[in-house]
mmCIF file of all heavy atoms, coordinates in Angstrom:
data_MODEL
# 
_entry.id   MODEL 
# 
loop_
_atom_site.group_PDB 
_atom_site.id 
_atom_site.type_symbol 
_atom_site.label_atom_id 
_atom_site.label_alt_id 
_atom_site.label_comp_id 
_atom_site.label_asym_id 
_atom_site.label_entity_id 
_atom_site.label_seq_id 
_atom_site.pdbx_PDB_ins_code 
_atom_site.Cartn_x 
_atom_site.Cartn_y 
_atom_site.Cartn_z 
_atom_site.occupancy 
_atom_site.B_iso_or_equiv 
_atom_site.pdbx_formal_charge 
_atom_site.auth_seq_id 
_atom_site.auth_comp_id 
_atom_site.auth_asym_id 
_atom_site.auth_atom_id 
_atom_site.pdbx_PDB_model_num 
ATOM 1   N N   . GLY A 1 1  ? -86.136  9.472   29.617 1.00 0.00 ? 1  GLY A N   1 
ATOM 2   C CA  . GLY A 1 1  ? -85.822  8.782   28.372 1.00 0.00 ? 1  GLY A CA  1 
ATOM 3   C C   . GLY A 1 1  ? -84.697  7.779   28.520 1.00 0.00 ? 1  GLY A C   1 
ATOM 4   O O   . GLY A 1 1  ? -84.612  6.811   27.765 1.00 0.00 ? 1  GLY A O   1 
ATOM 5   N N   . LEU A 1 2  ? -83.832  8.002   29.487 1.00 0.00 ? 2  LEU A N   1 
ATOM 6   C CA  . LEU A 1 2  ? -82.694  7.100   29.703 1.00 0.00 ? 2  LEU A CA  1 
ATOM 7   C C   . LEU A 1 2  ? -83.016  5.940   30.638 1.00 0.00 ? 2  LEU A C   1 
ATOM 8   O O   . LEU A 1 2  ? -82.226  5.022   30.765 1.00 0.00 ? 2  LEU A O   1 
ATOM 9   C CB  . LEU A 1 2  ? -81.511  7.888   30.282 1.00 0.00 ? 2  LEU A CB  1 
ATOM 10  C CG  . LEU A 1 2  ? -80.877  8.904   29.343 1.00 0.00 ? 2  LEU A CG  1 
ATOM 11  C CD1 . LEU A 1 2  ? -79.844  9.724   30.078 1.00 0.00 ? 2  LEU A CD1 1 
ATOM 12  C CD2 . LEU A 1 2  ? -80.264  8.206   28.133 1.00 0.00 ? 2  LEU A CD2 1 
ATOM 13  N N   . ARG A 1 3  ? -84.163  5.977   31.275 1.00 0.00 ? 3  ARG A N   1 
ATOM 14  C CA  . ARG A 1 3  ? -84.516  4.903   32.210 1.00 0.00 ? 3  ARG A CA  1 
ATOM 15  C C   . ARG A 1 3  ? -84.704  3.589   31.452 1.00 0.00 ? 3  ARG A C   1 
ATOM 16  O O   . ARG A 1 3  ? -85.123  3.564   30.303 1.00 0.00 ? 3  ARG A O   1 
ATOM 17  C CB  . ARG A 1 3  ? -85.798  5.238   32.950 1.00 0.00 ? 3  ARG A CB  1 
ATOM 18  C CG  . ARG A 1 3  ? -85.644  6.415   33.882 1.00 0.00 ? 3  ARG A CG  1 
ATOM 19  C CD  . ARG A 1 3  ? -86.759  6.435   34.922 1.00 0.00 ? 3  ARG A CD  1 
ATOM 20  N NE  . ARG A 1 3  ? -86.866  7.721   35.567 1.00 0.00 ? 3  ARG A NE  1 
ATOM 21  C CZ  . ARG A 1 3  ? -85.992  8.211   36.434 1.00 0.00 ? 3  ARG A CZ  1 
ATOM 22  N NH1 . ARG A 1 3  ? -84.921  7.519   36.733 1.00 0.00 ? 3  ARG A NH1 1 
ATOM 23  N NH2 . ARG A 1 3  ? -86.168  9.395   36.978 1.00 0.00 ? 3  ARG A NH2 1 
ATOM 24  N N   . ARG A 1 4  ? -84.402  2.525   32.148 1.00 0.00 ? 4  ARG A N   1 
ATOM 25  C CA  . ARG A 1 4  ? -84.541  1.194   31.570 1.00 0.00 ? 4  ARG A CA  1 
ATOM 26  C C   . ARG A 1 4  ? -86.011  0.903   31.285 1.00 0.00 ? 4  ARG A C   1 
ATOM 27  O O   . ARG A 1 4  ? -86.881  1.156   32.107 1.00 0.00 ? 4  ARG A O   1 
ATOM 28  C CB  . ARG A 1 4  ? -83.969  0.176   32.545 1.00 0.00 ? 4  ARG A CB  1 
ATOM 29  C CG  . ARG A 1 4  ? -84.118  -1.248  32.071 1.00 0.00 ? 4  ARG A CG  1 
ATOM 30  C CD  . ARG A 1 4  ? -83.407  -2.192  32.989 1.00 0.00 ? 4  ARG A CD  1 
ATOM 31  N NE  . ARG A 1 4  ? -82.273  -2.682  32.233 1.00 0.00 ? 4  ARG A NE  1 
ATOM 32  C CZ  . ARG A 1 4  ? -81.248  -3.292  32.735 1.00 0.00 ? 4  ARG A CZ  1 
ATOM 33  N NH1 . ARG A 1 4  ? -81.161  -3.472  34.021 1.00 0.00 ? 4  ARG A NH1 1 
ATOM 34  N NH2 . ARG A 1 4  ? -80.273  -3.738  31.981 1.00 0.00 ? 4  ARG A NH2 1 
ATOM 35  N N   . ARG A 1 5  ? -86.271  0.351   30.132 1.00 0.00 ? 5  ARG A N   1 
ATOM 36  C CA  . ARG A 1 5  ? -87.638  0.001   29.759 1.00 0.00 ? 5  ARG A CA  1 
ATOM 37  C C   . ARG A 1 5  ? -87.882  -1.479  30.025 1.00 0.00 ? 5  ARG A C   1 
ATOM 38  O O   . ARG A 1 5  ? -86.949  -2.271  29.986 1.00 0.00 ? 5  ARG A O   1 
ATOM 39  C CB  . ARG A 1 5  ? -87.848  0.281   28.269 1.00 0.00 ? 5  ARG A CB  1 
ATOM 40  C CG  . ARG A 1 5  ? -87.823  1.752   27.946 1.00 0.00 ? 5  ARG A CG  1 
ATOM 41  C CD  . ARG A 1 5  ? -88.069  1.970   26.448 1.00 0.00 ? 5  ARG A CD  1 
ATOM 42  N NE  . ARG A 1 5  ? -87.506  3.247   26.051 1.00 0.00 ? 5  ARG A NE  1 
ATOM 43  C CZ  . ARG A 1 5  ? -86.300  3.415   25.547 1.00 0.00 ? 5  ARG A CZ  1 
ATOM 44  N NH1 . ARG A 1 5  ? -85.501  2.399   25.374 1.00 0.00 ? 5  ARG A NH1 1 
ATOM 45  N NH2 . ARG A 1 5  ? -85.877  4.609   25.221 1.00 0.00 ? 5  ARG A NH2 1 
ATOM 46  N N   . PRO A 1 6  ? -89.134  -1.852  30.260 1.00 0.00 ? 6  PRO A N   1 
ATOM 47  C CA  . PRO A 1 6  ? -89.421  -3.273  30.443 1.00 0.00 ? 6  PRO A CA  1 
ATOM 48  C C   . PRO A 1 6  ? -89.073  -4.051  29.174 1.00 0.00 ? 6  PRO A C   1 
ATOM 49  O O   . PRO A 1 6  ? -89.150  -3.507  28.064 1.00 0.00 ? 6  PRO A O   1 
ATOM 50  C CB  . PRO A 1 6  ? -90.912  -3.335  30.719 1.00 0.00 ? 6  PRO A CB  1 
ATOM 51  C CG  . PRO A 1 6  ? -91.429  -1.954  30.704 1.00 0.00 ? 6  PRO A CG  1 
ATOM 52  C CD  . PRO A 1 6  ? -90.307  -1.024  30.388 1.00 0.00 ? 6  PRO A CD  1 
ATOM 53  N N   . ALA A 1 7  ? -88.715  -5.303  29.360 1.00 0.00 ? 7  ALA A N   1 
ATOM 54  C CA  . ALA A 1 7  ? -88.360  -6.150  28.218 1.00 0.00 ? 7  ALA A CA  1 
ATOM 55  C C   . ALA A 1 7  ? -89.561  -6.296  27.296 1.00 0.00 ? 7  ALA A C   1 
ATOM 56  O O   . ALA A 1 7  ? -90.705  -6.427  27.747 1.00 0.00 ? 7  ALA A O   1 
ATOM 57  C CB  . ALA A 1 7  ? -87.902  -7.509  28.709 1.00 0.00 ? 7  ALA A CB  1 
ATOM 58  N N   . THR A 1 8  ? -89.273  -6.274  26.021 1.00 0.00 ? 8  THR A N   1 
ATOM 59  C CA  . THR A 1 8  ? -90.348  -6.474  25.047 1.00 0.00 ? 8  THR A CA  1 
ATOM 60  C C   . THR A 1 8  ? -90.407  -7.950  24.700 1.00 0.00 ? 8  THR A C   1 
ATOM 61  O O   . THR A 1 8  ? -89.540  -8.728  25.053 1.00 0.00 ? 8  THR A O   1 
ATOM 62  C CB  . THR A 1 8  ? -90.085  -5.647  23.776 1.00 0.00 ? 8  THR A CB  1 
ATOM 63  O OG1 . THR A 1 8  ? -88.832  -6.062  23.228 1.00 0.00 ? 8  THR A OG1 1 
ATOM 64  C CG2 . THR A 1 8  ? -90.046  -4.175  24.083 1.00 0.00 ? 8  THR A CG2 1 
ATOM 65  N N   . GLY A 1 9  ? -91.404  -8.310  23.993 1.00 0.00 ? 9  GLY A N   1 
ATOM 66  C CA  . GLY A 1 9  ? -91.558  -9.701  23.585 1.00 0.00 ? 9  GLY A CA  1 
ATOM 67  C C   . GLY A 1 9  ? -92.889  -10.240 24.051 1.00 0.00 ? 9  GLY A C   1 
ATOM 68  O O   . GLY A 1 9  ? -93.685  -9.553  24.693 1.00 0.00 ? 9  GLY A O   1 
ATOM 69  N N   . ARG A 1 10 ? -93.100  -11.480 23.708 1.00 0.00 ? 10 ARG A N   1 
ATOM 70  C CA  . ARG A 1 10 ? -94.356  -12.119 24.050 1.00 0.00 ? 10 ARG A CA  1 
ATOM 71  C C   . ARG A 1 10 ? -94.462  -12.288 25.565 1.00 0.00 ? 10 ARG A C   1 
ATOM 72  O O   . ARG A 1 10 ? -93.527  -12.754 26.208 1.00 0.00 ? 10 ARG A O   1 
ATOM 73  C CB  . ARG A 1 10 ? -94.405  -13.477 23.368 1.00 0.00 ? 10 ARG A CB  1 
ATOM 74  C CG  . ARG A 1 10 ? -95.694  -14.199 23.559 1.00 0.00 ? 10 ARG A CG  1 
ATOM 75  C CD  . ARG A 1 10 ? -95.646  -15.555 22.865 1.00 0.00 ? 10 ARG A CD  1 
ATOM 76  N NE  . ARG A 1 10 ? -96.934  -16.173 22.987 1.00 0.00 ? 10 ARG A NE  1 
ATOM 77  C CZ  . ARG A 1 10 ? -97.585  -16.707 21.980 1.00 0.00 ? 10 ARG A CZ  1 
ATOM 78  N NH1 . ARG A 1 10 ? -97.056  -16.718 20.785 1.00 0.00 ? 10 ARG A NH1 1 
ATOM 79  N NH2 . ARG A 1 10 ? -98.755  -17.255 22.167 1.00 0.00 ? 10 ARG A NH2 1 
ATOM 80  N N   . PRO A 1 11 ? -95.602  -11.951 26.135 1.00 0.00 ? 11 PRO A N   1 
ATOM 81  C CA  . PRO A 1 11 ? -95.764  -12.158 27.579 1.00 0.00 ? 11 PRO A CA  1 
ATOM 82  C C   . PRO A 1 11 ? -95.827  -13.658 27.893 1.00 0.00 ? 11 PRO A C   1 
ATOM 83  O O   . PRO A 1 11 ? -96.238  -14.453 27.044 1.00 0.00 ? 11 PRO A O   1 
ATOM 84  C CB  . PRO A 1 11 ? -97.093  -11.468 27.894 1.00 0.00 ? 11 PRO A CB  1 
ATOM 85  C CG  . PRO A 1 11 ? -97.811  -11.393 26.602 1.00 0.00 ? 11 PRO A CG  1 
ATOM 86  C CD  . PRO A 1 11 ? -96.778  -11.338 25.520 1.00 0.00 ? 11 PRO A CD  1 
ATOM 87  N N   . PRO A 1 12 ? -95.437  -14.050 29.097 1.00 0.00 ? 12 PRO A N   1 
ATOM 88  C CA  . PRO A 1 12 ? -95.477  -15.478 29.439 1.00 0.00 ? 12 PRO A CA  1 
ATOM 89  C C   . PRO A 1 12 ? -96.910  -16.010 29.422 1.00 0.00 ? 12 PRO A C   1 
ATOM 90  O O   . PRO A 1 12 ? -97.863  -15.283 29.708 1.00 0.00 ? 12 PRO A O   1 
ATOM 91  C CB  . PRO A 1 12 ? -94.891  -15.532 30.846 1.00 0.00 ? 12 PRO A CB  1 
ATOM 92  C CG  . PRO A 1 12 ? -94.790  -14.136 31.318 1.00 0.00 ? 12 PRO A CG  1 
ATOM 93  C CD  . PRO A 1 12 ? -94.923  -13.220 30.164 1.00 0.00 ? 12 PRO A CD  1 
ATOM 94  N N   . LYS A 1 13 ? -97.053  -17.286 29.072 1.00 0.00 ? 13 LYS A N   1 
ATOM 95  C CA  . LYS A 1 13 ? -98.380  -17.903 29.014 1.00 0.00 ? 13 LYS A CA  1 
ATOM 96  C C   . LYS A 1 13 ? -98.984  -18.096 30.400 1.00 0.00 ? 13 LYS A C   1 
ATOM 97  O O   . LYS A 1 13 ? -100.199 -18.133 30.552 1.00 0.00 ? 13 LYS A O   1 
ATOM 98  C CB  . LYS A 1 13 ? -98.310  -19.260 28.299 1.00 0.00 ? 13 LYS A CB  1 
ATOM 99  C CG  . LYS A 1 13 ? -98.103  -19.155 26.812 1.00 0.00 ? 13 LYS A CG  1 
ATOM 100 C CD  . LYS A 1 13 ? -98.178  -20.535 26.180 1.00 0.00 ? 13 LYS A CD  1 
ATOM 101 C CE  . LYS A 1 13 ? -98.102  -20.433 24.667 1.00 0.00 ? 13 LYS A CE  1 
ATOM 102 N NZ  . LYS A 1 13 ? -98.239  -21.752 24.039 1.00 0.00 ? 13 LYS A NZ  1 
ATOM 103 N N   . LEU A 1 14 ? -98.120  -18.250 31.410 1.00 0.00 ? 14 LEU A N   1 
ATOM 104 C CA  . LEU A 1 14 ? -98.599  -18.464 32.775 1.00 0.00 ? 14 LEU A CA  1 
ATOM 105 C C   . LEU A 1 14 ? -98.301  -17.239 33.625 1.00 0.00 ? 14 LEU A C   1 
ATOM 106 O O   . LEU A 1 14 ? -97.173  -16.751 33.641 1.00 0.00 ? 14 LEU A O   1 
ATOM 107 C CB  . LEU A 1 14 ? -97.912  -19.683 33.400 1.00 0.00 ? 14 LEU A CB  1 
ATOM 108 C CG  . LEU A 1 14 ? -98.122  -21.025 32.710 1.00 0.00 ? 14 LEU A CG  1 
ATOM 109 C CD1 . LEU A 1 14 ? -97.309  -22.102 33.405 1.00 0.00 ? 14 LEU A CD1 1 
ATOM 110 C CD2 . LEU A 1 14 ? -99.581  -21.394 32.677 1.00 0.00 ? 14 LEU A CD2 1 
ATOM 111 N N   . ASP A 1 15 ? -99.314  -16.749 34.333 1.00 0.00 ? 15 ASP A N   1 
ATOM 112 C CA  . ASP A 1 15 ? -99.065  -15.628 35.242 1.00 0.00 ? 15 ASP A CA  1 
ATOM 113 C C   . ASP A 1 15 ? -98.504  -16.176 36.556 1.00 0.00 ? 15 ASP A C   1 
ATOM 114 O O   . ASP A 1 15 ? -98.391  -17.392 36.750 1.00 0.00 ? 15 ASP A O   1 
ATOM 115 C CB  . ASP A 1 15 ? -100.336 -14.791 35.462 1.00 0.00 ? 15 ASP A CB  1 
ATOM 116 C CG  . ASP A 1 15 ? -101.482 -15.580 36.078 1.00 0.00 ? 15 ASP A CG  1 
ATOM 117 O OD1 . ASP A 1 15 ? -101.217 -16.564 36.810 1.00 0.00 ? 15 ASP A OD1 1 
ATOM 118 O OD2 . ASP A 1 15 ? -102.642 -15.217 35.849 1.00 0.00 ? 15 ASP A OD2 1 
ATOM 119 N N   . ASP A 1 16 ? -98.149  -15.288 37.462 1.00 0.00 ? 16 ASP A N   1 
ATOM 120 C CA  . ASP A 1 16 ? -97.495  -15.701 38.708 1.00 0.00 ? 16 ASP A CA  1 
ATOM 121 C C   . ASP A 1 16 ? -98.380  -16.624 39.552 1.00 0.00 ? 16 ASP A C   1 
ATOM 122 O O   . ASP A 1 16 ? -97.894  -17.575 40.171 1.00 0.00 ? 16 ASP A O   1 
ATOM 123 C CB  . ASP A 1 16 ? -97.082  -14.477 39.528 1.00 0.00 ? 16 ASP A CB  1 
ATOM 124 C CG  . ASP A 1 16 ? -95.960  -13.696 38.872 1.00 0.00 ? 16 ASP A CG  1 
ATOM 125 O OD1 . ASP A 1 16 ? -95.247  -14.280 38.018 1.00 0.00 ? 16 ASP A OD1 1 
ATOM 126 O OD2 . ASP A 1 16 ? -95.789  -12.505 39.203 1.00 0.00 ? 16 ASP A OD2 1 
ATOM 127 N N   . ALA A 1 17 ? -99.685  -16.363 39.581 1.00 0.00 ? 17 ALA A N   1 
ATOM 128 C CA  . ALA A 1 17 ? -100.599 -17.207 40.370 1.00 0.00 ? 17 ALA A CA  1 
ATOM 129 C C   . ALA A 1 17 ? -100.650 -18.612 39.790 1.00 0.00 ? 17 ALA A C   1 
ATOM 130 O O   . ALA A 1 17 ? -100.656 -19.607 40.548 1.00 0.00 ? 17 ALA A O   1 
ATOM 131 C CB  . ALA A 1 17 ? -101.995 -16.584 40.391 1.00 0.00 ? 17 ALA A CB  1 
ATOM 132 N N   . GLN A 1 18 ? -100.669 -18.732 38.469 1.00 0.00 ? 18 GLN A N   1 
ATOM 133 C CA  . GLN A 1 18 ? -100.689 -20.051 37.839 1.00 0.00 ? 18 GLN A CA  1 
ATOM 134 C C   . GLN A 1 18 ? -99.376  -20.794 38.103 1.00 0.00 ? 18 GLN A C   1 
ATOM 135 O O   . GLN A 1 18 ? -99.385  -22.004 38.352 1.00 0.00 ? 18 GLN A O   1 
ATOM 136 C CB  . GLN A 1 18 ? -100.911 -19.918 36.334 1.00 0.00 ? 18 GLN A CB  1 
ATOM 137 C CG  . GLN A 1 18 ? -102.316 -19.488 35.966 1.00 0.00 ? 18 GLN A CG  1 
ATOM 138 C CD  . GLN A 1 18 ? -102.442 -19.188 34.486 1.00 0.00 ? 18 GLN A CD  1 
ATOM 139 O OE1 . GLN A 1 18 ? -101.598 -18.504 33.910 1.00 0.00 ? 18 GLN A OE1 1 
ATOM 140 N NE2 . GLN A 1 18 ? -103.492 -19.705 33.867 1.00 0.00 ? 18 GLN A NE2 1 
ATOM 141 N N   . VAL A 1 19 ? -98.261  -20.080 38.064 1.00 0.00 ? 19 VAL A N   1 
ATOM 142 C CA  . VAL A 1 19 ? -96.969  -20.710 38.335 1.00 0.00 ? 19 VAL A CA  1 
ATOM 143 C C   . VAL A 1 19 ? -96.942  -21.255 39.761 1.00 0.00 ? 19 VAL A C   1 
ATOM 144 O O   . VAL A 1 19 ? -96.450  -22.360 40.010 1.00 0.00 ? 19 VAL A O   1 
ATOM 145 C CB  . VAL A 1 19 ? -95.805  -19.719 38.089 1.00 0.00 ? 19 VAL A CB  1 
ATOM 146 C CG1 . VAL A 1 19 ? -94.484  -20.290 38.590 1.00 0.00 ? 19 VAL A CG1 1 
ATOM 147 C CG2 . VAL A 1 19 ? -95.708  -19.364 36.614 1.00 0.00 ? 19 VAL A CG2 1 
ATOM 148 N N   . GLU A 1 20 ? -97.498  -20.531 40.699 1.00 0.00 ? 20 GLU A N   1 
ATOM 149 C CA  . GLU A 1 20 ? -97.539  -21.011 42.083 1.00 0.00 ? 20 GLU A CA  1 
ATOM 150 C C   . GLU A 1 20 ? -98.439  -22.230 42.227 1.00 0.00 ? 20 GLU A C   1 
ATOM 151 O O   . GLU A 1 20 ? -98.146  -23.137 42.998 1.00 0.00 ? 20 GLU A O   1 
ATOM 152 C CB  . GLU A 1 20 ? -97.962  -19.893 43.039 1.00 0.00 ? 20 GLU A CB  1 
ATOM 153 C CG  . GLU A 1 20 ? -96.869  -18.868 43.276 1.00 0.00 ? 20 GLU A CG  1 
ATOM 154 C CD  . GLU A 1 20 ? -95.539  -19.507 43.684 1.00 0.00 ? 20 GLU A CD  1 
ATOM 155 O OE1 . GLU A 1 20 ? -95.514  -20.354 44.604 1.00 0.00 ? 20 GLU A OE1 1 
ATOM 156 O OE2 . GLU A 1 20 ? -94.513  -19.157 43.069 1.00 0.00 ? 20 GLU A OE2 1 
ATOM 157 N N   . ARG A 1 21 ? -99.546  -22.270 41.482 1.00 0.00 ? 21 ARG A N   1 
ATOM 158 C CA  . ARG A 1 21 ? -100.411 -23.456 41.503 1.00 0.00 ? 21 ARG A CA  1 
ATOM 159 C C   . ARG A 1 21 ? -99.670  -24.663 40.927 1.00 0.00 ? 21 ARG A C   1 
ATOM 160 O O   . ARG A 1 21 ? -99.787  -25.776 41.446 1.00 0.00 ? 21 ARG A O   1 
ATOM 161 C CB  . ARG A 1 21 ? -101.707 -23.196 40.731 1.00 0.00 ? 21 ARG A CB  1 
ATOM 162 C CG  . ARG A 1 21 ? -102.641 -22.253 41.461 1.00 0.00 ? 21 ARG A CG  1 
ATOM 163 C CD  . ARG A 1 21 ? -104.099 -22.354 41.035 1.00 0.00 ? 21 ARG A CD  1 
ATOM 164 N NE  . ARG A 1 21 ? -104.367 -22.586 39.644 1.00 0.00 ? 21 ARG A NE  1 
ATOM 165 C CZ  . ARG A 1 21 ? -104.711 -21.654 38.756 1.00 0.00 ? 21 ARG A CZ  1 
ATOM 166 N NH1 . ARG A 1 21 ? -104.832 -20.392 39.128 1.00 0.00 ? 21 ARG A NH1 1 
ATOM 167 N NH2 . ARG A 1 21 ? -104.949 -21.975 37.505 1.00 0.00 ? 21 ARG A NH2 1 
ATOM 168 N N   . VAL A 1 22 ? -98.898  -24.430 39.878 1.00 0.00 ? 22 VAL A N   1 
ATOM 169 C CA  . VAL A 1 22 ? -98.096  -25.509 39.285 1.00 0.00 ? 22 VAL A CA  1 
ATOM 170 C C   . VAL A 1 22 ? -97.046  -25.973 40.294 1.00 0.00 ? 22 VAL A C   1 
ATOM 171 O O   . VAL A 1 22 ? -96.848  -27.182 40.479 1.00 0.00 ? 22 VAL A O   1 
ATOM 172 C CB  . VAL A 1 22 ? -97.434  -25.046 37.965 1.00 0.00 ? 22 VAL A CB  1 
ATOM 173 C CG1 . VAL A 1 22 ? -96.385  -26.038 37.501 1.00 0.00 ? 22 VAL A CG1 1 
ATOM 174 C CG2 . VAL A 1 22 ? -98.488  -24.820 36.891 1.00 0.00 ? 22 VAL A CG2 1 
ATOM 175 N N   . ARG A 1 23 ? -96.366  -25.035 40.965 1.00 0.00 ? 23 ARG A N   1 
ATOM 176 C CA  . ARG A 1 23 ? -95.353  -25.399 41.967 1.00 0.00 ? 23 ARG A CA  1 
ATOM 177 C C   . ARG A 1 23 ? -95.973  -26.285 43.057 1.00 0.00 ? 23 ARG A C   1 
ATOM 178 O O   . ARG A 1 23 ? -95.427  -27.325 43.416 1.00 0.00 ? 23 ARG A O   1 
ATOM 179 C CB  . ARG A 1 23 ? -94.752  -24.157 42.611 1.00 0.00 ? 23 ARG A CB  1 
ATOM 180 C CG  . ARG A 1 23 ? -93.703  -24.468 43.689 1.00 0.00 ? 23 ARG A CG  1 
ATOM 181 C CD  . ARG A 1 23 ? -93.302  -23.267 44.523 1.00 0.00 ? 23 ARG A CD  1 
ATOM 182 N NE  . ARG A 1 23 ? -92.933  -22.112 43.756 1.00 0.00 ? 23 ARG A NE  1 
ATOM 183 C CZ  . ARG A 1 23 ? -91.697  -21.864 43.291 1.00 0.00 ? 23 ARG A CZ  1 
ATOM 184 N NH1 . ARG A 1 23 ? -90.734  -22.717 43.533 1.00 0.00 ? 23 ARG A NH1 1 
ATOM 185 N NH2 . ARG A 1 23 ? -91.450  -20.764 42.609 1.00 0.00 ? 23 ARG A NH2 1 
ATOM 186 N N   . THR A 1 24 ? -97.129  -25.881 43.559 1.00 0.00 ? 24 THR A N   1 
ATOM 187 C CA  . THR A 1 24 ? -97.810  -26.645 44.597 1.00 0.00 ? 24 THR A CA  1 
ATOM 188 C C   . THR A 1 24 ? -98.147  -28.048 44.099 1.00 0.00 ? 24 THR A C   1 
ATOM 189 O O   . THR A 1 24 ? -97.940  -29.042 44.818 1.00 0.00 ? 24 THR A O   1 
ATOM 190 C CB  . THR A 1 24 ? -99.094  -25.917 45.047 1.00 0.00 ? 24 THR A CB  1 
ATOM 191 O OG1 . THR A 1 24 ? -98.730  -24.617 45.516 1.00 0.00 ? 24 THR A OG1 1 
ATOM 192 C CG2 . THR A 1 24 ? -99.810  -26.673 46.135 1.00 0.00 ? 24 THR A CG2 1 
ATOM 193 N N   . ALA A 1 25 ? -98.638  -28.143 42.876 1.00 0.00 ? 25 ALA A N   1 
ATOM 194 C CA  . ALA A 1 25 ? -98.999  -29.448 42.314 1.00 0.00 ? 25 ALA A CA  1 
ATOM 195 C C   . ALA A 1 25 ? -97.772  -30.332 42.147 1.00 0.00 ? 25 ALA A C   1 
ATOM 196 O O   . ALA A 1 25 ? -97.800  -31.525 42.482 1.00 0.00 ? 25 ALA A O   1 
ATOM 197 C CB  . ALA A 1 25 ? -99.696  -29.254 40.965 1.00 0.00 ? 25 ALA A CB  1 
ATOM 198 N N   . LEU A 1 26 ? -96.664  -29.762 41.678 1.00 0.00 ? 26 LEU A N   1 
ATOM 199 C CA  . LEU A 1 26 ? -95.450  -30.555 41.463 1.00 0.00 ? 26 LEU A CA  1 
ATOM 200 C C   . LEU A 1 26 ? -94.836  -31.009 42.788 1.00 0.00 ? 26 LEU A C   1 
ATOM 201 O O   . LEU A 1 26 ? -94.274  -32.102 42.873 1.00 0.00 ? 26 LEU A O   1 
ATOM 202 C CB  . LEU A 1 26 ? -94.430  -29.758 40.652 1.00 0.00 ? 26 LEU A CB  1 
ATOM 203 C CG  . LEU A 1 26 ? -94.829  -29.413 39.216 1.00 0.00 ? 26 LEU A CG  1 
ATOM 204 C CD1 . LEU A 1 26 ? -93.741  -28.591 38.545 1.00 0.00 ? 26 LEU A CD1 1 
ATOM 205 C CD2 . LEU A 1 26 ? -95.146  -30.661 38.411 1.00 0.00 ? 26 LEU A CD2 1 
ATOM 206 N N   . GLU A 1 27 ? -94.948  -30.185 43.810 1.00 0.00 ? 27 GLU A N   1 
ATOM 207 C CA  . GLU A 1 27 ? -94.392  -30.550 45.115 1.00 0.00 ? 27 GLU A CA  1 
ATOM 208 C C   . GLU A 1 27 ? -95.145  -31.712 45.763 1.00 0.00 ? 27 GLU A C   1 
ATOM 209 O O   . GLU A 1 27 ? -94.624  -32.356 46.658 1.00 0.00 ? 27 GLU A O   1 
ATOM 210 C CB  . GLU A 1 27 ? -94.365  -29.332 46.039 1.00 0.00 ? 27 GLU A CB  1 
ATOM 211 C CG  . GLU A 1 27 ? -93.285  -28.337 45.649 1.00 0.00 ? 27 GLU A CG  1 
ATOM 212 C CD  . GLU A 1 27 ? -93.330  -27.039 46.442 1.00 0.00 ? 27 GLU A CD  1 
ATOM 213 O OE1 . GLU A 1 27 ? -94.335  -26.789 47.151 1.00 0.00 ? 27 GLU A OE1 1 
ATOM 214 O OE2 . GLU A 1 27 ? -92.364  -26.264 46.327 1.00 0.00 ? 27 GLU A OE2 1 
ATOM 215 N N   . GLN A 1 28 ? -96.351  -31.991 45.291 1.00 0.00 ? 28 GLN A N   1 
ATOM 216 C CA  . GLN A 1 28 ? -97.108  -33.141 45.804 1.00 0.00 ? 28 GLN A CA  1 
ATOM 217 C C   . GLN A 1 28 ? -96.503  -34.456 45.323 1.00 0.00 ? 28 GLN A C   1 
ATOM 218 O O   . GLN A 1 28 ? -96.767  -35.504 45.906 1.00 0.00 ? 28 GLN A O   1 
ATOM 219 C CB  . GLN A 1 28 ? -98.567  -33.066 45.347 1.00 0.00 ? 28 GLN A CB  1 
ATOM 220 C CG  . GLN A 1 28 ? -99.321  -31.916 45.950 1.00 0.00 ? 28 GLN A CG  1 
ATOM 221 C CD  . GLN A 1 28 ? -100.689 -31.733 45.312 1.00 0.00 ? 28 GLN A CD  1 
ATOM 222 O OE1 . GLN A 1 28 ? -101.034 -32.408 44.328 1.00 0.00 ? 28 GLN A OE1 1 
ATOM 223 N NE2 . GLN A 1 28 ? -101.471 -30.824 45.871 1.00 0.00 ? 28 GLN A NE2 1 
ATOM 224 N N   . GLY A 1 29 ? -95.723  -34.408 44.269 1.00 0.00 ? 29 GLY A N   1 
ATOM 225 C CA  . GLY A 1 29 ? -95.090  -35.612 43.733 1.00 0.00 ? 29 GLY A CA  1 
ATOM 226 C C   . GLY A 1 29 ? -95.853  -36.163 42.545 1.00 0.00 ? 29 GLY A C   1 
ATOM 227 O O   . GLY A 1 29 ? -97.049  -35.909 42.369 1.00 0.00 ? 29 GLY A O   1 
ATOM 228 N N   . ALA A 1 30 ? -95.154  -36.929 41.736 1.00 0.00 ? 30 ALA A N   1 
ATOM 229 C CA  . ALA A 1 30 ? -95.746  -37.473 40.509 1.00 0.00 ? 30 ALA A CA  1 
ATOM 230 C C   . ALA A 1 30 ? -96.816  -38.519 40.809 1.00 0.00 ? 30 ALA A C   1 
ATOM 231 O O   . ALA A 1 30 ? -97.831  -38.602 40.109 1.00 0.00 ? 30 ALA A O   1 
ATOM 232 C CB  . ALA A 1 30 ? -94.646  -38.067 39.622 1.00 0.00 ? 30 ALA A CB  1 
# 
């Protein structure tokens, strides 16, 4: 009962795989 609980709130719109795809796209340059 005393253990830390995960943060509540709205989950992020982008999952980790999508964030990595965005990172790859941005690193290509504008």
